[in-house]
Amino acid sequence: MDVNGLITKVTWRVEILSAVHSRSNSMGVNGQITKVTWRIENFSSIKGKKLYSENFTVDGNKWRLLIHTKRIHVDHSSFFCVVADSATMPWGWRAYAQIGLAVINQFDRKTSITKVGMAEFKANKLCLDLSSLLPLWEFQNPERGYLVNDVCLLEAYVSTDRTEGLISHEFMIKTDSDRHKTDEADSPTHPSEQSVLSQALEPADPTEEDMITFFTSLESELSNSNIVFSQEEAKKALATLEEALDRTPAHFYGSREFTSLELAFKILASFYCPSTVEQKKELLAMLESLKELADRAAKAMQDKNCLAEKESFKLTTTNKLGRNLIRYKEVESEVAVLHVQVEEAEKKRKIILAERKELFKSSKKMKMELEALEKQWAEYEAMAKVAEEEEKSVEAEWGRIKDFISSINRKI
């Protein structure tokens, strides 16, 4: 239910059609087509981002339709056909289907928007996206005929026959063309006469969002109806309210429990029947007062806790600053020591580089001297040989002189 008390209402019908009266008749095709008609009233009151249809069965497989109502950054209507029990499909499962989707123009059926697709559904591909049927601005404009009095009419045609062209734009537009003028499911002018038509099928496994939306709408719808409540129900409603009031107001801030409290107030107001209408209205208005009090209590608690939070932040930040200061001083000392070590290392480096340079120069000089000596080595060898002969000659002459002197000494 939306803020204006509107409740989304759907009308659902499933039919089995024969394609013999369509263009496929000229092709000798007698394929069977399942047609589903989905009428959605109070379309704008849909609270969720998507709305699923009831299930329908084609060749033993369950299918359902899906329309996205609030898609972000999308400028076209989104309409899908999906496999209903996809969560239970075994790996390797597959099924072929031809599918036609249509957004019916309630002023002129011939201008309805249709789209046809063929696909082989597999365990990892469980929907056929035939979206982008028409721009959102056109769909939402009542004068265009697709959303009239907040009512839209959608149709789907599904067949497992593999004959190409079995479902076409012409077939969908002309199907029941004579009957649809008096068909209550197609009439946007008599919504009060509509009835909910559906197959007796077991619903597919709902999502969390589906269940919340359904029961919230159901509870709101029941609470708005003129139901006579029993004394026992009134006692339970009173106990619910007393239990709620025993809690702190802040407990209900942003709580879903207000839904049950709203119902309890309405039950109590219906059974209690105060003496005046004003008193009954006052009782029903107490729920809004509770909501306001919950908001005020939560705001007061937030304001009260604000200083404590700031003090905690201040203390934590101050401690961090103190630790940072201590570490900064330690780092400064380490940097000073490293600076001295760097200077000493730089001096040592210069000395080592100079020594390396001198070693290079002296080594290169010695190598050059060795290379020059190598070139003169034969000459020095020849000189040494001559010197050796000369040395022998000198020794011989020296010995002769020595012998001569010795002979003189013997004679004297």
Protein backbone atom coordinates (compact mmCIF):
# COMPACT_ATOMS: atom_id res chain seq x y z
CA MET A 1 0.00 0.00 0.00
CA ASP A 2 1.34 3.48 -0.82
CA VAL A 3 1.00 6.72 1.11
CA ASN A 4 -2.47 7.35 -0.37
CA GLY A 5 -3.78 4.00 0.80
CA LEU A 6 -3.80 2.43 -2.68
CA ILE A 7 -3.26 -1.31 -2.94
CA THR A 8 -1.72 -2.96 -5.97
CA LYS A 9 -4.27 -5.35 -7.48
CA VAL A 10 -3.67 -7.84 -10.27
CA THR A 11 -6.05 -9.69 -12.56
CA TRP A 12 -4.61 -12.87 -14.03
CA ARG A 13 -5.92 -15.14 -16.80
CA VAL A 14 -4.36 -18.09 -18.63
CA GLU A 15 -5.70 -19.43 -21.94
CA ILE A 16 -4.64 -22.13 -24.37
CA LEU A 17 -4.84 -20.90 -27.98
CA SER A 18 -4.50 -22.67 -31.30
CA ALA A 19 -2.42 -20.98 -33.95
CA VAL A 20 -4.65 -22.23 -36.79
CA HIS A 21 -6.45 -18.89 -37.07
CA SER A 22 -3.23 -16.89 -37.29
CA ARG A 23 -0.92 -16.32 -40.21
CA SER A 24 0.61 -19.72 -39.37
CA ASN A 25 -2.63 -21.29 -40.69
CA SER A 26 -1.41 -20.64 -44.23
CA MET A 27 1.70 -22.62 -43.34
CA GLY A 28 -0.30 -25.62 -42.16
CA VAL A 29 0.77 -25.17 -38.53
CA ASN A 30 -1.46 -26.29 -35.67
CA GLY A 31 0.87 -25.26 -32.82
CA GLN A 32 -0.49 -24.66 -29.33
CA ILE A 33 0.19 -21.30 -27.67
CA THR A 34 -0.33 -20.41 -24.02
CA LYS A 35 -1.60 -16.86 -23.60
CA VAL A 36 -1.46 -15.09 -20.24
CA THR A 37 -3.11 -11.76 -19.53
CA TRP A 38 -1.75 -9.72 -16.64
CA ARG A 39 -3.70 -6.63 -15.55
CA ILE A 40 -2.09 -4.48 -12.84
CA GLU A 41 -4.15 -1.84 -11.03
CA ASN A 42 -2.65 0.97 -8.93
CA PHE A 43 0.64 0.41 -10.74
CA SER A 44 2.33 3.39 -9.07
CA SER A 45 1.67 1.91 -5.60
CA ILE A 46 4.04 -1.02 -6.22
CA LYS A 47 6.61 -0.66 -3.41
CA GLY A 48 9.28 -3.08 -4.62
CA LYS A 49 11.64 -2.65 -7.55
CA LYS A 50 10.09 -5.60 -9.38
CA LEU A 51 6.81 -7.49 -9.55
CA TYR A 52 6.39 -11.17 -10.43
CA SER A 53 3.25 -12.69 -11.92
CA GLU A 54 1.69 -15.95 -10.83
CA ASN A 55 3.07 -19.15 -12.33
CA PHE A 56 1.71 -20.76 -15.48
CA THR A 57 2.63 -24.12 -16.98
CA VAL A 58 3.76 -24.84 -20.55
CA ASP A 59 4.71 -28.44 -21.43
CA GLY A 60 5.30 -29.36 -17.81
CA ASN A 61 7.58 -26.40 -17.00
CA LYS A 62 6.56 -23.51 -14.77
CA TRP A 63 6.99 -19.96 -16.09
CA ARG A 64 6.21 -16.52 -14.80
CA LEU A 65 6.46 -12.91 -15.94
CA LEU A 66 8.54 -10.17 -14.38
CA ILE A 67 8.30 -6.41 -14.73
CA HIS A 68 10.84 -3.98 -13.27
CA THR A 69 9.11 -0.94 -11.83
CA LYS A 70 12.03 1.13 -10.49
CA ARG A 71 15.20 0.50 -12.49
CA ILE A 72 17.99 3.09 -12.02
CA HIS A 73 19.51 4.71 -15.13
CA VAL A 74 17.07 2.87 -17.43
CA ASP A 75 14.84 4.90 -19.77
CA HIS A 76 12.61 2.11 -21.06
CA SER A 77 10.06 -0.36 -19.67
CA SER A 78 11.51 -3.74 -18.68
CA PHE A 79 9.43 -6.88 -19.22
CA PHE A 80 10.81 -10.44 -18.92
CA CYS A 81 9.69 -14.05 -19.17
CA VAL A 82 11.50 -16.31 -16.68
CA VAL A 83 11.57 -19.95 -15.60
CA ALA A 84 9.70 -20.01 -12.27
CA ASP A 85 11.44 -22.85 -10.45
CA SER A 86 14.95 -21.95 -11.56
CA ALA A 87 16.42 -22.75 -8.14
CA THR A 88 15.53 -26.43 -8.53
CA MET A 89 16.62 -26.91 -12.14
CA PRO A 90 19.35 -29.57 -12.48
CA TRP A 91 22.51 -28.88 -14.42
CA GLY A 92 21.98 -29.82 -18.06
CA TRP A 93 18.25 -28.99 -18.07
CA ARG A 94 17.05 -27.16 -21.18
CA ALA A 95 13.79 -26.19 -22.86
CA TYR A 96 13.05 -24.41 -26.16
CA ALA A 97 10.42 -21.68 -26.27
CA GLN A 98 9.01 -19.00 -28.53
CA ILE A 99 7.84 -16.02 -26.50
CA GLY A 100 5.92 -12.90 -27.38
CA LEU A 101 5.41 -10.03 -24.96
CA ALA A 102 3.00 -7.16 -25.42
CA VAL A 103 2.15 -3.92 -23.64
CA ILE A 104 -1.48 -3.36 -24.63
CA ASN A 105 -2.72 0.05 -25.76
CA GLN A 106 -6.05 0.31 -23.98
CA PHE A 107 -7.32 2.94 -26.43
CA ASP A 108 -6.39 1.17 -29.65
CA ARG A 109 -5.19 -2.44 -29.51
CA LYS A 110 -3.67 -2.14 -32.98
CA THR A 111 -1.03 0.26 -31.64
CA SER A 112 0.03 -2.09 -28.82
CA ILE A 113 3.80 -2.59 -28.44
CA THR A 114 4.98 -6.16 -29.01
CA LYS A 115 8.26 -8.03 -29.09
CA VAL A 116 8.98 -11.63 -30.07
CA GLY A 117 11.93 -13.81 -29.20
CA MET A 118 13.07 -17.42 -29.51
CA ALA A 119 15.54 -19.02 -27.12
CA GLU A 120 16.74 -22.30 -25.69
CA PHE A 121 16.51 -22.01 -21.93
CA LYS A 122 19.27 -23.76 -20.00
CA ALA A 123 20.03 -24.30 -16.32
CA ASN A 124 22.33 -21.27 -16.39
CA LYS A 125 20.07 -19.15 -18.64
CA LEU A 126 16.61 -19.01 -17.12
CA CYS A 127 15.08 -15.84 -18.55
CA LEU A 128 14.42 -14.24 -21.92
CA ASP A 129 15.01 -10.52 -21.87
CA LEU A 130 12.55 -8.87 -24.23
CA SER A 131 12.83 -5.54 -22.45
CA SER A 132 13.17 -2.09 -24.08
CA LEU A 133 9.59 -2.36 -25.35
CA LEU A 134 8.90 1.36 -25.20
CA PRO A 135 10.33 4.50 -23.54
CA LEU A 136 9.32 5.06 -19.93
CA TRP A 137 8.01 8.55 -20.64
CA GLU A 138 5.61 7.08 -23.21
CA PHE A 139 4.53 4.22 -20.95
CA GLN A 140 3.87 6.58 -18.01
CA ASN A 141 1.89 9.10 -20.08
CA PRO A 142 -1.85 8.25 -19.61
CA GLU A 143 -2.69 9.92 -22.91
CA ARG A 144 -0.63 7.31 -24.78
CA GLY A 145 -2.95 4.51 -23.61
CA TYR A 146 -0.49 2.14 -21.95
CA LEU A 147 -1.00 3.25 -18.34
CA VAL A 148 -4.59 4.49 -17.97
CA ASN A 149 -6.04 5.34 -14.56
CA ASP A 150 -2.86 3.82 -13.12
CA VAL A 151 -3.76 0.50 -14.80
CA CYS A 152 -1.57 -1.37 -17.29
CA LEU A 153 -2.36 -4.50 -19.29
CA LEU A 154 0.41 -6.94 -20.23
CA GLU A 155 0.19 -10.09 -22.33
CA ALA A 156 2.56 -12.97 -22.94
CA TYR A 157 2.38 -15.75 -25.53
CA VAL A 158 4.50 -18.86 -24.97
CA SER A 159 4.90 -21.96 -27.13
CA THR A 160 7.43 -24.79 -27.28
CA ASP A 161 6.65 -25.43 -30.97
CA ARG A 162 9.79 -24.88 -33.05
CA THR A 163 7.92 -23.63 -36.13
CA GLU A 164 9.38 -20.26 -37.06
CA GLY A 165 6.85 -17.42 -37.04
CA LEU A 166 4.32 -19.24 -34.90
CA ILE A 167 4.12 -16.16 -32.65
CA SER A 168 4.21 -12.79 -34.39
CA HIS A 169 3.18 -9.18 -33.93
CA GLU A 170 0.18 -9.77 -36.22
CA PHE A 171 -0.90 -12.84 -34.22
CA MET A 172 -0.71 -11.02 -30.86
CA ILE A 173 -2.57 -7.95 -32.14
CA LYS A 174 -5.34 -9.89 -33.89
CA THR A 175 -5.85 -12.57 -31.22
CA ASP A 176 -9.40 -12.28 -29.88
CA SER A 177 -9.81 -8.99 -31.75
CA ASP A 178 -13.58 -9.42 -31.86
CA ARG A 179 -13.86 -10.59 -28.25
CA HIS A 180 -11.50 -8.14 -26.54
CA LYS A 181 -13.95 -5.22 -26.90
CA THR A 182 -16.30 -6.87 -24.41
CA ASP A 183 -13.61 -8.63 -22.37
CA GLU A 184 -13.56 -7.21 -18.85
CA ALA A 185 -9.85 -8.02 -18.49
CA ASP A 186 -9.06 -5.57 -21.31
CA SER A 187 -11.40 -2.73 -20.20
CA PRO A 188 -9.80 0.21 -18.37
CA THR A 189 -13.19 1.80 -17.61
CA HIS A 190 -14.66 -0.80 -15.25
CA PRO A 191 -11.98 -1.70 -12.73
CA SER A 192 -14.60 -2.34 -10.03
CA GLU A 193 -16.06 -5.24 -12.02
CA GLN A 194 -12.73 -7.07 -12.42
CA SER A 195 -12.13 -10.42 -10.72
CA VAL A 196 -8.89 -12.16 -10.01
CA LEU A 197 -8.51 -15.09 -12.39
CA SER A 198 -5.61 -17.44 -11.96
CA GLN A 199 -4.51 -21.01 -12.41
CA ALA A 200 -4.59 -23.27 -9.37
CA LEU A 201 -0.82 -23.55 -9.32
CA GLU A 202 1.57 -23.74 -6.42
CA PRO A 203 3.45 -20.40 -6.09
CA ALA A 204 7.16 -20.36 -6.83
CA ASP A 205 9.61 -20.00 -4.00
CA PRO A 206 9.34 -16.31 -2.97
CA THR A 207 12.23 -13.99 -2.34
CA GLU A 208 12.61 -12.10 0.93
CA GLU A 209 11.48 -8.93 -0.82
CA ASP A 210 8.40 -10.71 -2.24
CA MET A 211 7.30 -11.91 1.21
CA ILE A 212 7.83 -8.54 2.92
CA THR A 213 5.92 -6.69 0.19
CA PHE A 214 3.04 -9.22 0.17
CA PHE A 215 2.45 -9.40 3.91
CA THR A 216 2.91 -5.65 4.43
CA SER A 217 0.30 -4.97 1.75
CA LEU A 218 -1.98 -7.70 3.12
CA GLU A 219 -1.77 -6.38 6.66
CA SER A 220 -2.45 -2.82 5.49
CA GLU A 221 -5.40 -3.96 3.36
CA LEU A 222 -6.94 -5.92 6.23
CA SER A 223 -6.40 -3.07 8.66
CA ASN A 224 -8.26 -0.67 6.30
CA SER A 225 -11.26 -2.98 5.88
CA ASN A 226 -14.37 -2.77 8.01
CA ILE A 227 -13.70 -5.88 10.06
CA VAL A 228 -15.47 -6.48 13.37
CA PHE A 229 -12.85 -7.62 15.85
CA SER A 230 -13.53 -9.90 18.78
CA GLN A 231 -12.91 -9.13 22.41
CA GLU A 232 -10.04 -11.63 22.41
CA GLU A 233 -8.39 -9.82 19.50
CA ALA A 234 -8.86 -6.51 21.29
CA LYS A 235 -7.20 -7.95 24.42
CA LYS A 236 -4.26 -9.15 22.34
CA ALA A 237 -3.99 -5.75 20.67
CA LEU A 238 -4.05 -4.05 24.08
CA ALA A 239 -1.35 -6.43 25.36
CA THR A 240 0.76 -5.64 22.30
CA LEU A 241 0.49 -1.92 22.96
CA GLU A 242 1.18 -2.27 26.69
CA GLU A 243 4.27 -4.39 25.95
CA ALA A 244 5.47 -1.80 23.45
CA LEU A 245 4.92 1.08 25.88
CA ASP A 246 6.96 -0.74 28.53
CA ARG A 247 9.98 -0.29 26.27
CA THR A 248 11.91 2.92 25.79
CA PRO A 249 10.77 5.22 22.97
CA ALA A 250 14.22 5.07 21.37
CA HIS A 251 13.77 1.31 20.90
CA PHE A 252 11.24 1.98 18.14
CA TYR A 253 13.39 4.42 16.18
CA GLY A 254 13.40 3.14 12.57
CA SER A 255 11.66 -0.08 13.68
CA ARG A 256 9.31 -2.20 11.57
CA GLU A 257 7.27 -2.91 14.70
CA PHE A 258 5.13 0.13 14.03
CA THR A 259 3.22 -1.93 11.44
CA SER A 260 1.94 -4.31 14.11
CA LEU A 261 1.31 -1.38 16.47
CA GLU A 262 -0.76 0.34 13.80
CA LEU A 263 -2.96 -2.74 13.46
CA ALA A 264 -3.24 -3.00 17.25
CA PHE A 265 -4.40 0.62 17.50
CA LYS A 266 -7.03 0.09 14.81
CA ILE A 267 -8.32 -3.09 16.44
CA LEU A 268 -8.53 -1.33 19.78
CA ALA A 269 -10.23 1.73 18.26
CA SER A 270 -12.75 -0.47 16.45
CA PHE A 271 -13.60 -2.50 19.57
CA TYR A 272 -13.34 0.25 22.18
CA CYS A 273 -15.60 2.68 20.31
CA PRO A 274 -15.02 5.90 22.25
CA SER A 275 -18.01 8.09 22.86
CA THR A 276 -17.08 10.65 20.20
CA VAL A 277 -15.55 10.51 16.73
CA GLU A 278 -12.89 12.95 17.89
CA GLN A 279 -11.80 10.56 20.66
CA LYS A 280 -11.60 7.69 18.18
CA LYS A 281 -9.50 9.80 15.83
CA GLU A 282 -7.30 10.77 18.75
CA LEU A 283 -6.73 7.10 19.58
CA LEU A 284 -5.85 6.32 15.96
CA ALA A 285 -3.54 9.35 15.86
CA MET A 286 -1.55 8.07 18.85
CA LEU A 287 0.56 5.86 16.53
CA GLU A 288 1.91 8.95 14.78
CA SER A 289 2.60 10.43 18.21
CA LEU A 290 4.55 7.30 19.15
CA LYS A 291 6.57 7.58 15.93
CA GLU A 292 7.29 11.23 16.68
CA LEU A 293 8.25 10.41 20.26
CA ALA A 294 10.55 7.63 19.05
CA ASP A 295 12.26 10.07 16.69
CA ARG A 296 12.56 12.70 19.41
CA ALA A 297 13.91 10.16 21.93
CA ALA A 298 16.45 8.89 19.42
CA LYS A 299 17.50 12.47 18.62
CA ALA A 300 17.81 13.30 22.33
CA MET A 301 19.89 10.18 22.93
CA GLN A 302 22.11 11.06 20.00
CA ASP A 303 22.59 14.60 21.31
CA LYS A 304 23.24 13.28 24.80
CA ASN A 305 25.81 10.83 23.59
CA CYS A 306 27.41 13.35 21.27
CA LEU A 307 29.61 14.91 24.00
CA ALA A 308 30.74 11.50 25.25
CA GLU A 309 31.64 10.51 21.71
CA LYS A 310 33.54 13.75 21.20
CA GLU A 311 35.37 13.33 24.52
CA SER A 312 36.35 9.81 23.54
CA PHE A 313 37.56 11.09 20.20
CA LYS A 314 39.48 13.92 21.87
CA LEU A 315 41.18 11.55 24.32
CA THR A 316 42.06 9.05 21.63
CA THR A 317 43.38 11.73 19.31
CA THR A 318 45.40 13.40 22.09
CA ASN A 319 47.03 10.08 22.99
CA LYS A 320 47.87 9.48 19.36
CA LEU A 321 49.40 12.95 19.09
CA GLY A 322 51.51 12.29 22.22
CA ARG A 323 52.78 9.02 20.79
CA ASN A 324 53.51 10.72 17.49
CA LEU A 325 55.49 13.46 19.27
CA ILE A 326 57.60 10.92 21.17
CA ARG A 327 58.29 8.98 18.03
CA TYR A 328 59.11 12.21 16.16
CA LYS A 329 61.82 13.05 18.67
CA GLU A 330 63.21 9.52 18.43
CA VAL A 331 63.30 9.81 14.67
CA GLU A 332 65.02 13.20 14.92
CA SER A 333 67.79 11.67 17.08
CA GLU A 334 68.15 8.76 14.70
CA VAL A 335 68.38 11.16 11.77
CA ALA A 336 71.11 13.20 13.53
CA VAL A 337 73.15 10.04 14.22
CA LEU A 338 72.69 8.93 10.66
CA HIS A 339 73.76 12.37 9.43
CA VAL A 340 77.09 12.09 11.33
CA GLN A 341 77.55 8.56 10.08
CA VAL A 342 76.87 9.72 6.56
CA GLU A 343 79.50 12.47 6.83
CA GLU A 344 82.08 10.06 8.21
CA ALA A 345 81.21 7.52 5.58
CA GLU A 346 81.55 10.19 2.89
CA LYS A 347 85.03 11.13 4.12
CA LYS A 348 86.04 7.49 4.24
CA ARG A 349 84.61 7.03 0.82
CA LYS A 350 86.72 9.88 -0.57
CA ILE A 351 89.86 8.39 1.02
CA ILE A 352 89.08 4.97 -0.39
CA LEU A 353 88.35 6.45 -3.82
CA ALA A 354 91.67 8.34 -3.75
CA GLU A 355 93.53 5.20 -2.69
CA ARG A 356 91.80 3.27 -5.43
CA LYS A 357 92.87 5.91 -7.90
CA GLU A 358 96.54 5.78 -6.74
CA LEU A 359 96.49 1.99 -6.89
CA PHE A 360 95.23 2.23 -10.42
CA LYS A 361 97.85 4.75 -11.46
CA SER A 362 100.79 2.92 -9.87
CA SER A 363 99.63 -0.45 -11.14
CA LYS A 364 99.22 0.89 -14.63
CA LYS A 365 102.69 2.47 -14.50
CA MET A 366 104.26 -0.80 -13.34
CA LYS A 367 102.46 -2.68 -16.07
CA MET A 368 103.73 -0.22 -18.66
CA GLU A 369 107.29 -0.64 -17.32
CA LEU A 370 106.95 -4.42 -17.54
CA GLU A 371 105.69 -4.16 -21.09
CA ALA A 372 108.66 -1.92 -22.03
CA LEU A 373 111.07 -4.32 -20.29
CA GLU A 374 109.57 -7.22 -22.21
CA LYS A 375 110.32 -5.46 -25.45
CA GLN A 376 114.07 -5.01 -24.45
CA TRP A 377 114.42 -8.44 -22.83
CA ALA A 378 116.36 -10.01 -25.77
CA GLU A 379 118.82 -7.13 -25.73
CA TYR A 380 119.34 -7.53 -22.00
CA GLU A 381 119.86 -11.27 -22.43
CA ALA A 382 122.52 -10.64 -25.11
CA MET A 383 124.23 -8.09 -22.87
CA ALA A 384 124.18 -10.57 -20.00
CA LYS A 385 125.80 -13.22 -22.20
CA VAL A 386 128.56 -10.83 -23.29
CA ALA A 387 129.02 -9.77 -19.67
CA GLU A 388 129.33 -13.38 -18.63
CA GLU A 389 132.13 -13.89 -21.20
CA GLU A 390 133.72 -10.68 -20.09
CA GLU A 391 133.51 -11.78 -16.49
CA LYS A 392 135.27 -15.02 -17.38
CA SER A 393 137.98 -13.10 -19.27
CA VAL A 394 138.43 -10.72 -16.33
CA GLU A 395 138.68 -13.62 -13.89
CA ALA A 396 141.25 -15.35 -16.13
CA GLU A 397 143.37 -12.22 -16.43
CA TRP A 398 142.93 -11.61 -12.69
CA GLY A 399 144.15 -15.12 -11.96
CA ARG A 400 147.15 -14.72 -14.27
CA ILE A 401 148.18 -11.53 -12.49
CA LYS A 402 147.68 -13.16 -9.13
CA ASP A 403 149.81 -16.13 -10.14
CA PHE A 404 152.55 -13.85 -11.43
CA ILE A 405 152.73 -11.91 -8.15
CA SER A 406 152.83 -15.13 -6.21
CA SER A 407 155.80 -16.35 -8.27
CA ILE A 408 157.71 -13.19 -7.49
CA ASN A 409 157.04 -13.65 -3.80
CA ARG A 410 158.64 -17.11 -3.91
CA LYS A 411 161.74 -15.79 -5.49
CA ILE A 412 162.44 -13.08 -2.99
